[in-house]
Amino acid sequence: MKNLKSLNKHLFRYRYRLLLGIIFIALSNVFGVYSPQVIRDAVDSVTTQINYNQFFAGSFLAKEYLKIFGISILFFGIIVVVLAIIRGIFVFFMRQTIIVMSRLIEYDQKNEIFAHY
C-alpha cells in the first residue's frame, strides 16, 4: 500500500472525475440487477398465465386472453431491452470517465518523472 500512496495526490486532484466514475459504476450495477428481476417476473407471469389459459380454452375469450398474454410478454421484453441499453450507457460513461482519469494521472506522473530528471 505504500507504493500506492503516491497516487493519493493525483486521486485528490481528479476527485470529481473519480466520484463521477463511482456514481456511474453504481448506476450500471443497479440497472444490471433489475434485469434478472424483470425476467423472474416475466417467467412467473408466463407460468400463471398458462394456468389461466386452461380456463379460457374453447371459449370466446381465448383469443382476447392470448392477445393480452402476448402484449404482456412483449412488454417484459421491451423492459429488459431498455434496462440493458441504460446499463450499457452507464458502463460506457463509467469506462470513459475512469479511463480518461487514468490517462490524466499517467500524464501527470510522466511529467513529474521528466521534471525530476
N, C-alpha and C. Protein backbone atom coordinates (compact mmCIF):
# COMPACT_ATOMS: atom_id res chain seq x y z
N MET A 1 0.82 -1.19 0.00
CA MET A 1 0.00 0.00 0.00
C MET A 1 0.87 1.25 0.00
N LYS A 2 2.11 1.15 0.47
CA LYS A 2 2.98 2.32 0.48
C LYS A 2 3.26 2.80 -0.94
N ASN A 3 3.38 1.87 -1.87
CA ASN A 3 3.65 2.24 -3.26
C ASN A 3 2.49 3.00 -3.88
N LEU A 4 1.29 2.69 -3.44
CA LEU A 4 0.12 3.36 -3.98
C LEU A 4 -0.15 4.71 -3.32
N LYS A 5 0.57 5.01 -2.25
CA LYS A 5 0.37 6.26 -1.54
C LYS A 5 0.68 7.46 -2.42
N SER A 6 1.58 7.28 -3.38
CA SER A 6 1.93 8.40 -4.27
C SER A 6 0.77 8.77 -5.20
N LEU A 7 -0.20 7.90 -5.34
CA LEU A 7 -1.35 8.19 -6.19
C LEU A 7 -2.38 9.07 -5.50
N ASN A 8 -2.29 9.20 -4.19
CA ASN A 8 -3.31 9.95 -3.45
C ASN A 8 -3.43 11.39 -3.93
N LYS A 9 -2.30 12.05 -4.21
CA LYS A 9 -2.37 13.44 -4.66
C LYS A 9 -3.06 13.53 -6.02
N HIS A 10 -2.85 12.53 -6.86
CA HIS A 10 -3.50 12.55 -8.16
C HIS A 10 -4.99 12.24 -8.03
N LEU A 11 -5.32 11.30 -7.17
CA LEU A 11 -6.73 10.99 -6.95
C LEU A 11 -7.46 12.19 -6.36
N PHE A 12 -6.77 12.93 -5.49
CA PHE A 12 -7.38 14.12 -4.92
C PHE A 12 -7.57 15.19 -6.00
N ARG A 13 -6.60 15.30 -6.88
CA ARG A 13 -6.69 16.29 -7.95
C ARG A 13 -7.85 15.99 -8.90
N TYR A 14 -8.09 14.73 -9.17
CA TYR A 14 -9.16 14.33 -10.09
C TYR A 14 -10.33 13.70 -9.34
N ARG A 15 -10.58 14.20 -8.14
CA ARG A 15 -11.60 13.61 -7.28
C ARG A 15 -13.00 13.69 -7.88
N TYR A 16 -13.29 14.74 -8.63
CA TYR A 16 -14.63 14.86 -9.21
C TYR A 16 -14.84 13.83 -10.32
N ARG A 17 -13.80 13.58 -11.10
CA ARG A 17 -13.91 12.53 -12.12
C ARG A 17 -14.04 11.16 -11.46
N LEU A 18 -13.30 10.95 -10.39
CA LEU A 18 -13.38 9.69 -9.67
C LEU A 18 -14.77 9.50 -9.07
N LEU A 19 -15.30 10.55 -8.47
CA LEU A 19 -16.65 10.47 -7.89
C LEU A 19 -17.69 10.20 -8.97
N LEU A 20 -17.56 10.87 -10.11
CA LEU A 20 -18.48 10.64 -11.21
C LEU A 20 -18.37 9.21 -11.73
N GLY A 21 -17.14 8.69 -11.80
CA GLY A 21 -16.95 7.30 -12.21
C GLY A 21 -17.58 6.32 -11.24
N ILE A 22 -17.47 6.59 -9.96
CA ILE A 22 -18.07 5.73 -8.94
C ILE A 22 -19.60 5.77 -9.05
N ILE A 23 -20.14 6.95 -9.31
CA ILE A 23 -21.59 7.07 -9.48
C ILE A 23 -22.05 6.26 -10.70
N PHE A 24 -21.28 6.34 -11.80
CA PHE A 24 -21.64 5.56 -12.98
C PHE A 24 -21.53 4.06 -12.72
N ILE A 25 -20.54 3.65 -11.94
CA ILE A 25 -20.42 2.23 -11.57
C ILE A 25 -21.66 1.78 -10.80
N ALA A 26 -22.06 2.59 -9.82
CA ALA A 26 -23.23 2.23 -9.01
C ALA A 26 -24.50 2.16 -9.86
N LEU A 27 -24.69 3.14 -10.75
CA LEU A 27 -25.88 3.14 -11.59
C LEU A 27 -25.90 1.97 -12.56
N SER A 28 -24.75 1.63 -13.12
CA SER A 28 -24.72 0.49 -14.04
C SER A 28 -25.02 -0.81 -13.31
N ASN A 29 -24.56 -0.92 -12.08
CA ASN A 29 -24.86 -2.13 -11.29
C ASN A 29 -26.33 -2.19 -10.89
N VAL A 30 -26.92 -1.04 -10.59
CA VAL A 30 -28.35 -1.01 -10.23
C VAL A 30 -29.18 -1.50 -11.40
N PHE A 31 -28.90 -0.97 -12.61
CA PHE A 31 -29.67 -1.40 -13.76
C PHE A 31 -29.34 -2.84 -14.17
N GLY A 32 -28.15 -3.31 -13.81
CA GLY A 32 -27.81 -4.71 -14.06
C GLY A 32 -28.56 -5.67 -13.16
N VAL A 33 -28.93 -5.20 -11.97
CA VAL A 33 -29.66 -6.04 -11.02
C VAL A 33 -31.15 -6.12 -11.38
N TYR A 34 -31.70 -5.05 -11.95
CA TYR A 34 -33.12 -5.04 -12.26
C TYR A 34 -33.50 -5.99 -13.39
N SER A 35 -32.61 -6.21 -14.33
CA SER A 35 -32.93 -7.06 -15.48
C SER A 35 -33.30 -8.49 -15.08
N PRO A 36 -32.52 -9.16 -14.24
CA PRO A 36 -32.93 -10.52 -13.82
C PRO A 36 -34.24 -10.52 -13.04
N GLN A 37 -34.50 -9.46 -12.30
CA GLN A 37 -35.76 -9.39 -11.55
C GLN A 37 -36.95 -9.29 -12.50
N VAL A 38 -36.79 -8.52 -13.57
CA VAL A 38 -37.87 -8.40 -14.56
C VAL A 38 -38.07 -9.75 -15.25
N ILE A 39 -36.98 -10.43 -15.56
CA ILE A 39 -37.10 -11.75 -16.20
C ILE A 39 -37.79 -12.74 -15.26
N ARG A 40 -37.47 -12.67 -13.97
CA ARG A 40 -38.15 -13.52 -12.99
C ARG A 40 -39.65 -13.25 -12.98
N ASP A 41 -40.02 -11.96 -12.99
CA ASP A 41 -41.44 -11.61 -13.01
C ASP A 41 -42.11 -12.09 -14.30
N ALA A 42 -41.38 -12.01 -15.41
CA ALA A 42 -41.93 -12.48 -16.69
C ALA A 42 -42.17 -13.98 -16.66
N VAL A 43 -41.21 -14.73 -16.13
CA VAL A 43 -41.37 -16.19 -16.06
C VAL A 43 -42.52 -16.54 -15.12
N ASP A 44 -42.63 -15.86 -14.00
CA ASP A 44 -43.75 -16.10 -13.08
C ASP A 44 -45.08 -15.78 -13.76
N SER A 45 -45.08 -14.69 -14.52
CA SER A 45 -46.30 -14.30 -15.23
C SER A 45 -46.69 -15.34 -16.27
N VAL A 46 -45.71 -15.84 -17.01
CA VAL A 46 -46.00 -16.86 -18.02
C VAL A 46 -46.55 -18.12 -17.36
N THR A 47 -45.96 -18.53 -16.26
CA THR A 47 -46.44 -19.72 -15.56
C THR A 47 -47.88 -19.54 -15.10
N THR A 48 -48.18 -18.38 -14.53
CA THR A 48 -49.53 -18.10 -14.08
C THR A 48 -50.50 -18.02 -15.26
N GLN A 49 -50.07 -17.36 -16.32
CA GLN A 49 -50.94 -17.18 -17.48
C GLN A 49 -51.24 -18.51 -18.16
N ILE A 50 -50.29 -19.42 -18.18
CA ILE A 50 -50.55 -20.74 -18.78
C ILE A 50 -51.62 -21.48 -17.99
N ASN A 51 -51.55 -21.35 -16.67
CA ASN A 51 -52.58 -21.99 -15.85
C ASN A 51 -53.96 -21.38 -16.11
N TYR A 52 -54.01 -20.04 -16.26
CA TYR A 52 -55.29 -19.38 -16.54
C TYR A 52 -55.78 -19.68 -17.95
N ASN A 53 -54.87 -19.93 -18.87
CA ASN A 53 -55.25 -20.21 -20.26
C ASN A 53 -56.11 -21.47 -20.34
N GLN A 54 -55.90 -22.39 -19.42
CA GLN A 54 -56.69 -23.62 -19.42
C GLN A 54 -58.16 -23.33 -19.12
N PHE A 55 -58.42 -22.27 -18.34
CA PHE A 55 -59.80 -21.92 -18.03
C PHE A 55 -60.52 -21.34 -19.24
N PHE A 56 -59.75 -20.59 -20.07
CA PHE A 56 -60.37 -19.93 -21.21
C PHE A 56 -60.36 -20.77 -22.48
N ALA A 57 -59.74 -21.93 -22.45
CA ALA A 57 -59.64 -22.77 -23.64
C ALA A 57 -61.03 -23.12 -24.16
N GLY A 58 -61.26 -22.89 -25.45
CA GLY A 58 -62.52 -23.22 -26.08
C GLY A 58 -63.59 -22.17 -25.94
N SER A 59 -63.37 -21.13 -25.17
CA SER A 59 -64.38 -20.08 -25.02
C SER A 59 -64.09 -18.93 -25.99
N PHE A 60 -65.04 -18.01 -26.07
CA PHE A 60 -64.86 -16.87 -26.96
C PHE A 60 -63.83 -15.88 -26.43
N LEU A 61 -63.44 -15.99 -25.18
CA LEU A 61 -62.44 -15.10 -24.59
C LEU A 61 -61.00 -15.59 -24.80
N ALA A 62 -60.84 -16.76 -25.39
CA ALA A 62 -59.50 -17.32 -25.55
C ALA A 62 -58.61 -16.45 -26.42
N LYS A 63 -59.15 -15.92 -27.53
CA LYS A 63 -58.34 -15.08 -28.41
C LYS A 63 -57.93 -13.79 -27.72
N GLU A 64 -58.87 -13.19 -27.00
CA GLU A 64 -58.55 -11.94 -26.28
C GLU A 64 -57.51 -12.20 -25.19
N TYR A 65 -57.66 -13.33 -24.54
CA TYR A 65 -56.70 -13.66 -23.48
C TYR A 65 -55.31 -13.86 -24.06
N LEU A 66 -55.21 -14.55 -25.18
CA LEU A 66 -53.90 -14.76 -25.82
C LEU A 66 -53.31 -13.44 -26.32
N LYS A 67 -54.16 -12.55 -26.76
CA LYS A 67 -53.70 -11.23 -27.21
C LYS A 67 -53.10 -10.46 -26.03
N ILE A 68 -53.79 -10.45 -24.92
CA ILE A 68 -53.29 -9.77 -23.72
C ILE A 68 -52.01 -10.44 -23.22
N PHE A 69 -51.97 -11.76 -23.31
CA PHE A 69 -50.78 -12.51 -22.90
C PHE A 69 -49.58 -12.12 -23.78
N GLY A 70 -49.78 -12.02 -25.08
CA GLY A 70 -48.70 -11.62 -25.99
C GLY A 70 -48.22 -10.22 -25.72
N ILE A 71 -49.14 -9.32 -25.43
CA ILE A 71 -48.77 -7.93 -25.12
C ILE A 71 -47.95 -7.87 -23.84
N SER A 72 -48.33 -8.66 -22.85
CA SER A 72 -47.57 -8.64 -21.58
C SER A 72 -46.16 -9.20 -21.77
N ILE A 73 -46.01 -10.24 -22.59
CA ILE A 73 -44.68 -10.79 -22.86
C ILE A 73 -43.84 -9.77 -23.63
N LEU A 74 -44.46 -9.10 -24.60
CA LEU A 74 -43.76 -8.06 -25.35
C LEU A 74 -43.33 -6.93 -24.43
N PHE A 75 -44.19 -6.56 -23.49
CA PHE A 75 -43.88 -5.51 -22.53
C PHE A 75 -42.66 -5.90 -21.68
N PHE A 76 -42.63 -7.13 -21.18
CA PHE A 76 -41.48 -7.58 -20.40
C PHE A 76 -40.20 -7.57 -21.25
N GLY A 77 -40.32 -7.99 -22.50
CA GLY A 77 -39.15 -7.98 -23.39
C GLY A 77 -38.62 -6.59 -23.63
N ILE A 78 -39.53 -5.64 -23.84
CA ILE A 78 -39.11 -4.25 -24.05
C ILE A 78 -38.43 -3.70 -22.80
N ILE A 79 -38.95 -4.03 -21.63
CA ILE A 79 -38.34 -3.56 -20.39
C ILE A 79 -36.92 -4.11 -20.25
N VAL A 80 -36.72 -5.38 -20.57
CA VAL A 80 -35.38 -5.98 -20.47
C VAL A 80 -34.42 -5.30 -21.43
N VAL A 81 -34.87 -5.04 -22.65
CA VAL A 81 -34.00 -4.37 -23.63
C VAL A 81 -33.67 -2.96 -23.19
N VAL A 82 -34.66 -2.23 -22.69
CA VAL A 82 -34.41 -0.85 -22.23
C VAL A 82 -33.43 -0.85 -21.06
N LEU A 83 -33.61 -1.77 -20.12
CA LEU A 83 -32.68 -1.85 -18.99
C LEU A 83 -31.26 -2.18 -19.45
N ALA A 84 -31.13 -3.05 -20.44
CA ALA A 84 -29.80 -3.39 -20.96
C ALA A 84 -29.18 -2.19 -21.65
N ILE A 85 -29.97 -1.42 -22.39
CA ILE A 85 -29.44 -0.23 -23.06
C ILE A 85 -29.01 0.82 -22.04
N ILE A 86 -29.82 1.04 -21.02
CA ILE A 86 -29.47 2.02 -19.99
C ILE A 86 -28.21 1.57 -19.26
N ARG A 87 -28.12 0.29 -18.92
CA ARG A 87 -26.92 -0.22 -18.26
C ARG A 87 -25.69 -0.05 -19.16
N GLY A 88 -25.85 -0.33 -20.45
CA GLY A 88 -24.75 -0.16 -21.38
C GLY A 88 -24.29 1.28 -21.47
N ILE A 89 -25.22 2.21 -21.44
CA ILE A 89 -24.86 3.63 -21.47
C ILE A 89 -24.05 4.00 -20.24
N PHE A 90 -24.50 3.55 -19.07
CA PHE A 90 -23.76 3.88 -17.85
C PHE A 90 -22.40 3.19 -17.80
N VAL A 91 -22.30 1.97 -18.33
CA VAL A 91 -21.00 1.30 -18.40
C VAL A 91 -20.06 2.08 -19.33
N PHE A 92 -20.59 2.56 -20.44
CA PHE A 92 -19.79 3.37 -21.37
C PHE A 92 -19.28 4.63 -20.68
N PHE A 93 -20.19 5.36 -20.01
CA PHE A 93 -19.78 6.57 -19.30
C PHE A 93 -18.77 6.27 -18.20
N MET A 94 -18.98 5.17 -17.50
CA MET A 94 -18.06 4.80 -16.43
C MET A 94 -16.67 4.54 -16.99
N ARG A 95 -16.60 3.77 -18.06
CA ARG A 95 -15.30 3.46 -18.65
C ARG A 95 -14.63 4.70 -19.18
N GLN A 96 -15.39 5.57 -19.84
CA GLN A 96 -14.80 6.79 -20.37
C GLN A 96 -14.28 7.68 -19.24
N THR A 97 -15.05 7.79 -18.18
CA THR A 97 -14.64 8.64 -17.06
C THR A 97 -13.40 8.08 -16.37
N ILE A 98 -13.40 6.81 -16.05
CA ILE A 98 -12.27 6.20 -15.34
C ILE A 98 -11.04 6.14 -16.23
N ILE A 99 -11.20 5.80 -17.51
CA ILE A 99 -10.05 5.70 -18.40
C ILE A 99 -9.44 7.07 -18.65
N VAL A 100 -10.27 8.10 -18.85
CA VAL A 100 -9.72 9.45 -19.03
C VAL A 100 -8.98 9.89 -17.78
N MET A 101 -9.54 9.60 -16.62
CA MET A 101 -8.86 9.97 -15.38
C MET A 101 -7.52 9.24 -15.26
N SER A 102 -7.48 7.97 -15.61
CA SER A 102 -6.22 7.23 -15.51
C SER A 102 -5.19 7.78 -16.50
N ARG A 103 -5.62 8.20 -17.67
CA ARG A 103 -4.69 8.80 -18.65
C ARG A 103 -4.15 10.13 -18.14
N LEU A 104 -4.99 10.90 -17.49
CA LEU A 104 -4.53 12.17 -16.92
C LEU A 104 -3.52 11.93 -15.80
N ILE A 105 -3.76 10.91 -14.99
CA ILE A 105 -2.81 10.59 -13.92
C ILE A 105 -1.50 10.11 -14.51
N GLU A 106 -1.57 9.29 -15.56
CA GLU A 106 -0.34 8.85 -16.24
C GLU A 106 0.43 10.04 -16.79
N TYR A 107 -0.26 10.98 -17.37
CA TYR A 107 0.37 12.17 -17.93
C TYR A 107 1.05 12.98 -16.83
N ASP A 108 0.37 13.16 -15.70
CA ASP A 108 0.96 13.89 -14.58
C ASP A 108 2.19 13.17 -14.03
N GLN A 109 2.11 11.86 -13.91
CA GLN A 109 3.27 11.11 -13.40
C GLN A 109 4.44 11.18 -14.37
N LYS A 110 4.15 11.12 -15.65
CA LYS A 110 5.23 11.24 -16.66
C LYS A 110 5.90 12.59 -16.54
N ASN A 111 5.10 13.64 -16.39
CA ASN A 111 5.68 14.98 -16.26
C ASN A 111 6.48 15.13 -14.97
N GLU A 112 6.05 14.48 -13.91
CA GLU A 112 6.81 14.52 -12.65
C GLU A 112 8.16 13.84 -12.82
N ILE A 113 8.17 12.72 -13.51
CA ILE A 113 9.43 11.99 -13.74
C ILE A 113 10.36 12.82 -14.60
N PHE A 114 9.84 13.42 -15.67
CA PHE A 114 10.68 14.25 -16.53
C PHE A 114 11.18 15.49 -15.79
N ALA A 115 10.36 16.08 -14.94
CA ALA A 115 10.79 17.23 -14.15
C ALA A 115 11.86 16.82 -13.15
N HIS A 116 11.76 15.61 -12.64
CA HIS A 116 12.75 15.13 -11.67
C HIS A 116 14.11 14.92 -12.33
N TYR A 117 14.10 14.41 -13.58
CA TYR A 117 15.36 14.18 -14.30
C TYR A 117 15.96 15.49 -14.72
